[in-house]
Every structure is written in C-alpha cells, then in structure tokens.
Amino acid sequence: MTVSTSLHQGTVEAVRSRVGKREFSRYVEEAVVRRIARDNLRELLDDFEAVNGPPDQRAVEEARAFLRGETSGQKNNPAA
C-alpha cells in the first residue's frame, strides 16, 4: 500500500542525507514502526500503573543501573 504524507523540508533533507533517495521510504517505515512500538509500550505502562499505582522510584533506578551494567551503585568504569 502506498500513502502520501507531508514532511518539512529539513526533515526530508536530513533523511536523504542519511539514506539517499532509494531508501527514503524504508527509513520512514522503520521510524514509524519504532514509534508505534513506543506508543504501545507507553499504553501498556499506563494500564499497569492504573491497576498497580506508580512504580517505586528506587526500584526503577536499581533496574536502570542493572541494565547499564552497574553494580552496588557504582557506574561501570572499565578504567577502575
């Protein structure tokens, strides 16, 4: 399926400078797919919070540190 949309000139130029003319549609498609995934995740989180309340901020920070590879509150520092 093909659709038509309008984009600002600066946006078009930025995409073309990255991918050229032939890959423009694929680049836009991938960006839209990522946005839909983020929107779906936000809706899921909103539903979860509606049922369970807001997350514990300390637990959120601990999870973020874990995902970054930090342990015991220390930042992952290869030079240390």
PDB file of N, CA and C in Angstrom:
ATOM      1  N   MET A   1       0.853  -1.180   0.000  1.00  0.00           N
ATOM      2  CA  MET A   1       0.000   0.000   0.000  1.00  0.00           C
ATOM      3  C   MET A   1       0.891   1.232   0.000  1.00  0.00           C
ATOM      4  N   THR A   2       0.501   2.227  -0.704  1.00  0.00           N
ATOM      5  CA  THR A   2       1.220   3.480  -0.771  1.00  0.00           C
ATOM      6  C   THR A   2       0.328   4.588  -0.255  1.00  0.00           C
ATOM      7  N   VAL A   3       0.912   5.464   0.569  1.00  0.00           N
ATOM      8  CA  VAL A   3       0.197   6.648   1.050  1.00  0.00           C
ATOM      9  C   VAL A   3       1.084   7.854   0.813  1.00  0.00           C
ATOM     10  N   SER A   4       0.469   8.999   0.863  1.00  0.00           N
ATOM     11  CA  SER A   4       1.200  10.245   0.690  1.00  0.00           C
ATOM     12  C   SER A   4       1.165  10.997   2.010  1.00  0.00           C
ATOM     13  N   THR A   5       2.267  11.636   2.355  1.00  0.00           N
ATOM     14  CA  THR A   5       2.324  12.423   3.578  1.00  0.00           C
ATOM     15  C   THR A   5       3.184  13.657   3.324  1.00  0.00           C
ATOM     16  N   SER A   6       3.070  14.621   4.194  1.00  0.00           N
ATOM     17  CA  SER A   6       3.868  15.836   4.075  1.00  0.00           C
ATOM     18  C   SER A   6       4.906  15.860   5.181  1.00  0.00           C
ATOM     19  N   LEU A   7       6.127  16.222   4.823  1.00  0.00           N
ATOM     20  CA  LEU A   7       7.215  16.375   5.788  1.00  0.00           C
ATOM     21  C   LEU A   7       7.864  17.732   5.569  1.00  0.00           C
ATOM     22  N   HIS A   8       8.403  18.290   6.629  1.00  0.00           N
ATOM     23  CA  HIS A   8       9.128  19.552   6.498  1.00  0.00           C
ATOM     24  C   HIS A   8      10.374  19.337   5.639  1.00  0.00           C
ATOM     25  N   GLN A   9      10.762  20.353   4.922  1.00  0.00           N
ATOM     26  CA  GLN A   9      11.912  20.264   4.027  1.00  0.00           C
ATOM     27  C   GLN A   9      13.174  19.821   4.768  1.00  0.00           C
ATOM     28  N   GLY A  10      13.390  20.350   5.968  1.00  0.00           N
ATOM     29  CA  GLY A  10      14.564  19.981   6.744  1.00  0.00           C
ATOM     30  C   GLY A  10      14.574  18.505   7.106  1.00  0.00           C
ATOM     31  N   THR A  11      13.397  17.964   7.388  1.00  0.00           N
ATOM     32  CA  THR A  11      13.291  16.542   7.710  1.00  0.00           C
ATOM     33  C   THR A  11      13.629  15.704   6.489  1.00  0.00           C
ATOM     34  N   VAL A  12      13.080  16.070   5.352  1.00  0.00           N
ATOM     35  CA  VAL A  12      13.355  15.354   4.105  1.00  0.00           C
ATOM     36  C   VAL A  12      14.850  15.392   3.794  1.00  0.00           C
ATOM     37  N   GLU A  13      15.448  16.549   3.927  1.00  0.00           N
ATOM     38  CA  GLU A  13      16.879  16.684   3.647  1.00  0.00           C
ATOM     39  C   GLU A  13      17.716  15.846   4.606  1.00  0.00           C
ATOM     40  N   ALA A  14      17.328  15.809   5.877  1.00  0.00           N
ATOM     41  CA  ALA A  14      18.074  15.015   6.862  1.00  0.00           C
ATOM     42  C   ALA A  14      17.998  13.525   6.543  1.00  0.00           C
ATOM     43  N   VAL A  15      16.818  13.059   6.155  1.00  0.00           N
ATOM     44  CA  VAL A  15      16.673  11.640   5.808  1.00  0.00           C
ATOM     45  C   VAL A  15      17.472  11.329   4.552  1.00  0.00           C
ATOM     46  N   ARG A  16      17.322  12.142   3.529  1.00  0.00           N
ATOM     47  CA  ARG A  16      18.046  11.884   2.271  1.00  0.00           C
ATOM     48  C   ARG A  16      19.554  11.919   2.468  1.00  0.00           C
ATOM     49  N   SER A  17      20.043  12.777   3.354  1.00  0.00           N
ATOM     50  CA  SER A  17      21.486  12.834   3.581  1.00  0.00           C
ATOM     51  C   SER A  17      21.993  11.564   4.255  1.00  0.00           C
ATOM     52  N   ARG A  18      21.106  10.856   4.950  1.00  0.00           N
ATOM     53  CA  ARG A  18      21.498   9.626   5.614  1.00  0.00           C
ATOM     54  C   ARG A  18      21.350   8.396   4.720  1.00  0.00           C
ATOM     55  N   VAL A  19      20.302   8.359   3.931  1.00  0.00           N
ATOM     56  CA  VAL A  19      19.995   7.112   3.210  1.00  0.00           C
ATOM     57  C   VAL A  19      19.889   7.270   1.710  1.00  0.00           C
ATOM     58  N   GLY A  20      19.904   8.469   1.214  1.00  0.00           N
ATOM     59  CA  GLY A  20      19.728   8.663  -0.216  1.00  0.00           C
ATOM     60  C   GLY A  20      18.265   8.558  -0.618  1.00  0.00           C
ATOM     61  N   LYS A  21      18.041   8.701  -1.903  1.00  0.00           N
ATOM     62  CA  LYS A  21      16.674   8.745  -2.411  1.00  0.00           C
ATOM     63  C   LYS A  21      16.003   7.365  -2.406  1.00  0.00           C
ATOM     64  N   ARG A  22      16.753   6.318  -2.698  1.00  0.00           N
ATOM     65  CA  ARG A  22      16.169   4.986  -2.847  1.00  0.00           C
ATOM     66  C   ARG A  22      15.705   4.348  -1.542  1.00  0.00           C
ATOM     67  N   GLU A  23      16.329   4.705  -0.434  1.00  0.00           N
ATOM     68  CA  GLU A  23      15.988   4.087   0.850  1.00  0.00           C
ATOM     69  C   GLU A  23      15.085   4.968   1.722  1.00  0.00           C
ATOM     70  N   PHE A  24      14.607   6.050   1.160  1.00  0.00           N
ATOM     71  CA  PHE A  24      13.808   7.015   1.919  1.00  0.00           C
ATOM     72  C   PHE A  24      12.569   6.355   2.542  1.00  0.00           C
ATOM     73  N   SER A  25      11.812   5.634   1.747  1.00  0.00           N
ATOM     74  CA  SER A  25      10.576   5.021   2.251  1.00  0.00           C
ATOM     75  C   SER A  25      10.862   4.012   3.358  1.00  0.00           C
ATOM     76  N   ARG A  26      11.916   3.221   3.186  1.00  0.00           N
ATOM     77  CA  ARG A  26      12.246   2.234   4.213  1.00  0.00           C
ATOM     78  C   ARG A  26      12.618   2.933   5.525  1.00  0.00           C
ATOM     79  N   TYR A  27      13.372   4.013   5.436  1.00  0.00           N
ATOM     80  CA  TYR A  27      13.776   4.763   6.621  1.00  0.00           C
ATOM     81  C   TYR A  27      12.540   5.295   7.362  1.00  0.00           C
ATOM     82  N   VAL A  28      11.620   5.878   6.618  1.00  0.00           N
ATOM     83  CA  VAL A  28      10.399   6.414   7.224  1.00  0.00           C
ATOM     84  C   VAL A  28       9.561   5.276   7.809  1.00  0.00           C
ATOM     85  N   GLU A  29       9.443   4.169   7.104  1.00  0.00           N
ATOM     86  CA  GLU A  29       8.691   2.998   7.594  1.00  0.00           C
ATOM     87  C   GLU A  29       9.265   2.521   8.926  1.00  0.00           C
ATOM     88  N   GLU A  30      10.589   2.375   8.991  1.00  0.00           N
ATOM     89  CA  GLU A  30      11.228   1.910  10.220  1.00  0.00           C
ATOM     90  C   GLU A  30      11.003   2.891  11.371  1.00  0.00           C
ATOM     91  N   ALA A  31      11.048   4.169  11.080  1.00  0.00           N
ATOM     92  CA  ALA A  31      10.807   5.180  12.117  1.00  0.00           C
ATOM     93  C   ALA A  31       9.378   5.098  12.643  1.00  0.00           C
ATOM     94  N   VAL A  32       8.426   4.912  11.757  1.00  0.00           N
ATOM     95  CA  VAL A  32       7.023   4.813  12.168  1.00  0.00           C
ATOM     96  C   VAL A  32       6.799   3.541  12.986  1.00  0.00           C
ATOM     97  N   VAL A  33       7.399   2.433  12.573  1.00  0.00           N
ATOM     98  CA  VAL A  33       7.265   1.180  13.313  1.00  0.00           C
ATOM     99  C   VAL A  33       7.824   1.335  14.728  1.00  0.00           C
ATOM    100  N   ARG A  34       8.998   1.990  14.862  1.00  0.00           N
ATOM    101  CA  ARG A  34       9.569   2.232  16.195  1.00  0.00           C
ATOM    102  C   ARG A  34       8.641   3.096  17.042  1.00  0.00           C
ATOM    103  N   ARG A  35       8.047   4.107  16.439  1.00  0.00           N
ATOM    104  CA  ARG A  35       7.141   4.993  17.183  1.00  0.00           C
ATOM    105  C   ARG A  35       5.905   4.242  17.657  1.00  0.00           C
ATOM    106  N   ILE A  36       5.362   3.382  16.807  1.00  0.00           N
ATOM    107  CA  ILE A  36       4.192   2.589  17.196  1.00  0.00           C
ATOM    108  C   ILE A  36       4.553   1.674  18.365  1.00  0.00           C
ATOM    109  N   ALA A  37       5.725   1.050  18.314  1.00  0.00           N
ATOM    110  CA  ALA A  37       6.160   0.180  19.406  1.00  0.00           C
ATOM    111  C   ALA A  37       6.280   0.967  20.712  1.00  0.00           C
ATOM    112  N   ARG A  38       6.850   2.167  20.642  1.00  0.00           N
ATOM    113  CA  ARG A  38       6.970   3.014  21.841  1.00  0.00           C
ATOM    114  C   ARG A  38       5.601   3.420  22.367  1.00  0.00           C
ATOM    115  N   ASP A  39       4.684   3.788  21.466  1.00  0.00           N
ATOM    116  CA  ASP A  39       3.333   4.148  21.884  1.00  0.00           C
ATOM    117  C   ASP A  39       2.643   2.963  22.565  1.00  0.00           C
ATOM    118  N   ASN A  40       2.807   1.766  21.988  1.00  0.00           N
ATOM    119  CA  ASN A  40       2.204   0.566  22.580  1.00  0.00           C
ATOM    120  C   ASN A  40       2.772   0.293  23.966  1.00  0.00           C
ATOM    121  N   LEU A  41       4.077   0.456  24.131  1.00  0.00           N
ATOM    122  CA  LEU A  41       4.703   0.263  25.431  1.00  0.00           C
ATOM    123  C   LEU A  41       4.184   1.280  26.436  1.00  0.00           C
ATOM    124  N   ARG A  42       4.058   2.543  26.017  1.00  0.00           N
ATOM    125  CA  ARG A  42       3.531   3.575  26.914  1.00  0.00           C
ATOM    126  C   ARG A  42       2.116   3.225  27.369  1.00  0.00           C
ATOM    127  N   GLU A  43       1.274   2.737  26.435  1.00  0.00           N
ATOM    128  CA  GLU A  43      -0.094   2.353  26.797  1.00  0.00           C
ATOM    129  C   GLU A  43      -0.083   1.195  27.792  1.00  0.00           C
ATOM    130  N   LEU A  44       0.804   0.235  27.586  1.00  0.00           N
ATOM    131  CA  LEU A  44       0.922  -0.893  28.496  1.00  0.00           C
ATOM    132  C   LEU A  44       1.336  -0.423  29.888  1.00  0.00           C
ATOM    133  N   LEU A  45       2.317   0.472  29.950  1.00  0.00           N
ATOM    134  CA  LEU A  45       2.760   1.003  31.238  1.00  0.00           C
ATOM    135  C   LEU A  45       1.670   1.821  31.921  1.00  0.00           C
ATOM    136  N   ASP A  46       0.937   2.603  31.142  1.00  0.00           N
ATOM    137  CA  ASP A  46      -0.165   3.383  31.712  1.00  0.00           C
ATOM    138  C   ASP A  46      -1.223   2.458  32.303  1.00  0.00           C
ATOM    139  N   ASP A  47      -1.557   1.385  31.594  1.00  0.00           N
ATOM    140  CA  ASP A  47      -2.532   0.413  32.101  1.00  0.00           C
ATOM    141  C   ASP A  47      -2.033  -0.250  33.380  1.00  0.00           C
ATOM    142  N   PHE A  48      -0.745  -0.619  33.397  1.00  0.00           N
ATOM    143  CA  PHE A  48      -0.155  -1.247  34.581  1.00  0.00           C
ATOM    144  C   PHE A  48      -0.231  -0.303  35.775  1.00  0.00           C
ATOM    145  N   GLU A  49       0.134   0.975  35.565  1.00  0.00           N
ATOM    146  CA  GLU A  49       0.098   1.938  36.654  1.00  0.00           C
ATOM    147  C   GLU A  49      -1.316   2.211  37.132  1.00  0.00           C
ATOM    148  N   ALA A  50      -2.283   2.170  36.238  1.00  0.00           N
ATOM    149  CA  ALA A  50      -3.676   2.389  36.632  1.00  0.00           C
ATOM    150  C   ALA A  50      -4.137   1.303  37.607  1.00  0.00           C
ATOM    151  N   VAL A  51      -3.630   0.105  37.426  1.00  0.00           N
ATOM    152  CA  VAL A  51      -4.008  -1.013  38.290  1.00  0.00           C
ATOM    153  C   VAL A  51      -3.137  -1.068  39.546  1.00  0.00           C
ATOM    154  N   ASN A  52      -1.835  -0.833  39.399  1.00  0.00           N
ATOM    155  CA  ASN A  52      -0.877  -1.071  40.478  1.00  0.00           C
ATOM    156  C   ASN A  52      -0.290   0.177  41.120  1.00  0.00           C
ATOM    157  N   GLY A  53      -0.596   1.340  40.571  1.00  0.00           N
ATOM    158  CA  GLY A  53      -0.011   2.569  41.085  1.00  0.00           C
ATOM    159  C   GLY A  53       1.353   2.810  40.463  1.00  0.00           C
ATOM    160  N   PRO A  54       1.946   3.962  40.768  1.00  0.00           N
ATOM    161  CA  PRO A  54       3.243   4.301  40.171  1.00  0.00           C
ATOM    162  C   PRO A  54       4.343   3.374  40.695  1.00  0.00           C
ATOM    163  N   PRO A  55       5.387   3.191  39.895  1.00  0.00           N
ATOM    164  CA  PRO A  55       6.474   2.317  40.331  1.00  0.00           C
ATOM    165  C   PRO A  55       7.302   2.966  41.438  1.00  0.00           C
ATOM    166  N   ASP A  56       7.937   2.143  42.225  1.00  0.00           N
ATOM    167  CA  ASP A  56       8.863   2.595  43.260  1.00  0.00           C
ATOM    168  C   ASP A  56      10.098   3.150  42.558  1.00  0.00           C
ATOM    169  N   GLN A  57      10.393   4.444  42.755  1.00  0.00           N
ATOM    170  CA  GLN A  57      11.487   5.088  42.040  1.00  0.00           C
ATOM    171  C   GLN A  57      12.852   4.464  42.359  1.00  0.00           C
ATOM    172  N   ARG A  58      13.022   4.004  43.580  1.00  0.00           N
ATOM    173  CA  ARG A  58      14.287   3.343  43.918  1.00  0.00           C
ATOM    174  C   ARG A  58      14.445   2.060  43.107  1.00  0.00           C
ATOM    175  N   ALA A  59      13.389   1.300  42.987  1.00  0.00           N
ATOM    176  CA  ALA A  59      13.442   0.066  42.196  1.00  0.00           C
ATOM    177  C   ALA A  59      13.710   0.376  40.728  1.00  0.00           C
ATOM    178  N   VAL A  60      13.137   1.461  40.222  1.00  0.00           N
ATOM    179  CA  VAL A  60      13.366   1.865  38.836  1.00  0.00           C
ATOM    180  C   VAL A  60      14.842   2.209  38.631  1.00  0.00           C
ATOM    181  N   GLU A  61      15.412   2.976  39.547  1.00  0.00           N
ATOM    182  CA  GLU A  61      16.828   3.342  39.436  1.00  0.00           C
ATOM    183  C   GLU A  61      17.727   2.116  39.546  1.00  0.00           C
ATOM    184  N   GLU A  62      17.387   1.185  40.423  1.00  0.00           N
ATOM    185  CA  GLU A  62      18.168  -0.052  40.541  1.00  0.00           C
ATOM    186  C   GLU A  62      18.099  -0.863  39.249  1.00  0.00           C
ATOM    187  N   ALA A  63      16.933  -0.915  38.641  1.00  0.00           N
ATOM    188  CA  ALA A  63      16.780  -1.642  37.376  1.00  0.00           C
ATOM    189  C   ALA A  63      17.586  -0.966  36.267  1.00  0.00           C
ATOM    190  N   ARG A  64      17.553   0.354  36.229  1.00  0.00           N
ATOM    191  CA  ARG A  64      18.337   1.083  35.222  1.00  0.00           C
ATOM    192  C   ARG A  64      19.834   0.818  35.406  1.00  0.00           C
ATOM    193  N   ALA A  65      20.288   0.838  36.647  1.00  0.00           N
ATOM    194  CA  ALA A  65      21.702   0.571  36.923  1.00  0.00           C
ATOM    195  C   ALA A  65      22.062  -0.842  36.484  1.00  0.00           C
ATOM    196  N   PHE A  66      21.200  -1.791  36.758  1.00  0.00           N
ATOM    197  CA  PHE A  66      21.445  -3.175  36.352  1.00  0.00           C
ATOM    198  C   PHE A  66      21.563  -3.277  34.831  1.00  0.00           C
ATOM    199  N   LEU A  67      20.659  -2.616  34.124  1.00  0.00           N
ATOM    200  CA  LEU A  67      20.674  -2.663  32.661  1.00  0.00           C
ATOM    201  C   LEU A  67      21.907  -1.986  32.080  1.00  0.00           C
ATOM    202  N   ARG A  68      22.454  -1.001  32.796  1.00  0.00           N
ATOM    203  CA  ARG A  68      23.684  -0.337  32.355  1.00  0.00           C
ATOM    204  C   ARG A  68      24.929  -1.109  32.762  1.00  0.00           C
ATOM    205  N   GLY A  69      24.743  -2.194  33.508  1.00  0.00           N
ATOM    206  CA  GLY A  69      25.883  -2.994  33.940  1.00  0.00           C
ATOM    207  C   GLY A  69      26.550  -2.476  35.194  1.00  0.00           C
ATOM    208  N   GLU A  70      25.869  -1.618  35.933  1.00  0.00           N
ATOM    209  CA  GLU A  70      26.422  -1.074  37.164  1.00  0.00           C
ATOM    210  C   GLU A  70      26.091  -2.012  38.318  1.00  0.00           C
ATOM    211  N   THR A  71      26.988  -2.100  39.286  1.00  0.00           N
ATOM    212  CA  THR A  71      26.751  -2.925  40.464  1.00  0.00           C
ATOM    213  C   THR A  71      27.014  -2.113  41.713  1.00  0.00           C
ATOM    214  N   SER A  72      26.316  -2.412  42.768  1.00  0.00           N
ATOM    215  CA  SER A  72      26.490  -1.755  44.073  1.00  0.00           C
ATOM    216  C   SER A  72      26.459  -0.242  43.969  1.00  0.00           C
ATOM    217  N   GLY A  73      25.646   0.289  43.051  1.00  0.00           N
ATOM    218  CA  GLY A  73      25.534   1.730  42.906  1.00  0.00           C
ATOM    219  C   GLY A  73      26.732   2.365  42.240  1.00  0.00           C
ATOM    220  N   GLN A  74      27.693   1.582  41.775  1.00  0.00           N
ATOM    221  CA  GLN A  74      28.872   2.101  41.111  1.00  0.00           C
ATOM    222  C   GLN A  74      28.650   2.104  39.604  1.00  0.00           C
ATOM    223  N   LYS A  75      29.052   3.148  38.947  1.00  0.00           N
ATOM    224  CA  LYS A  75      28.946   3.194  37.492  1.00  0.00           C
ATOM    225  C   LYS A  75      29.972   2.248  36.888  1.00  0.00           C
ATOM    226  N   ASN A  76      29.620   1.657  35.774  1.00  0.00           N
ATOM    227  CA  ASN A  76      30.516   0.736  35.075  1.00  0.00           C
ATOM    228  C   ASN A  76      31.679   1.532  34.520  1.00  0.00           C
ATOM    229  N   ASN A  77      32.858   1.361  35.110  1.00  0.00           N
ATOM    230  CA  ASN A  77      34.031   2.117  34.709  1.00  0.00           C
ATOM    231  C   ASN A  77      35.156   1.151  34.400  1.00  0.00           C
ATOM    232  N   PRO A  78      35.441   0.898  33.113  1.00  0.00           N
ATOM    233  CA  PRO A  78      36.464  -0.067  32.744  1.00  0.00           C
ATOM    234  C   PRO A  78      37.844   0.320  33.255  1.00  0.00           C
ATOM    235  N   ALA A  79      38.094   1.611  33.504  1.00  0.00           N
ATOM    236  CA  ALA A  79      39.412   2.054  33.962  1.00  0.00           C
ATOM    237  C   ALA A  79      39.609   1.798  35.448  1.00  0.00           C
ATOM    238  N   ALA A  80      38.542   1.531  36.174  1.00  0.00           N
ATOM    239  CA  ALA A  80      38.644   1.346  37.630  1.00  0.00           C
ATOM    240  C   ALA A  80      39.176  -0.022  37.979  1.00  0.00           C
TER     241      ALA A  80
END
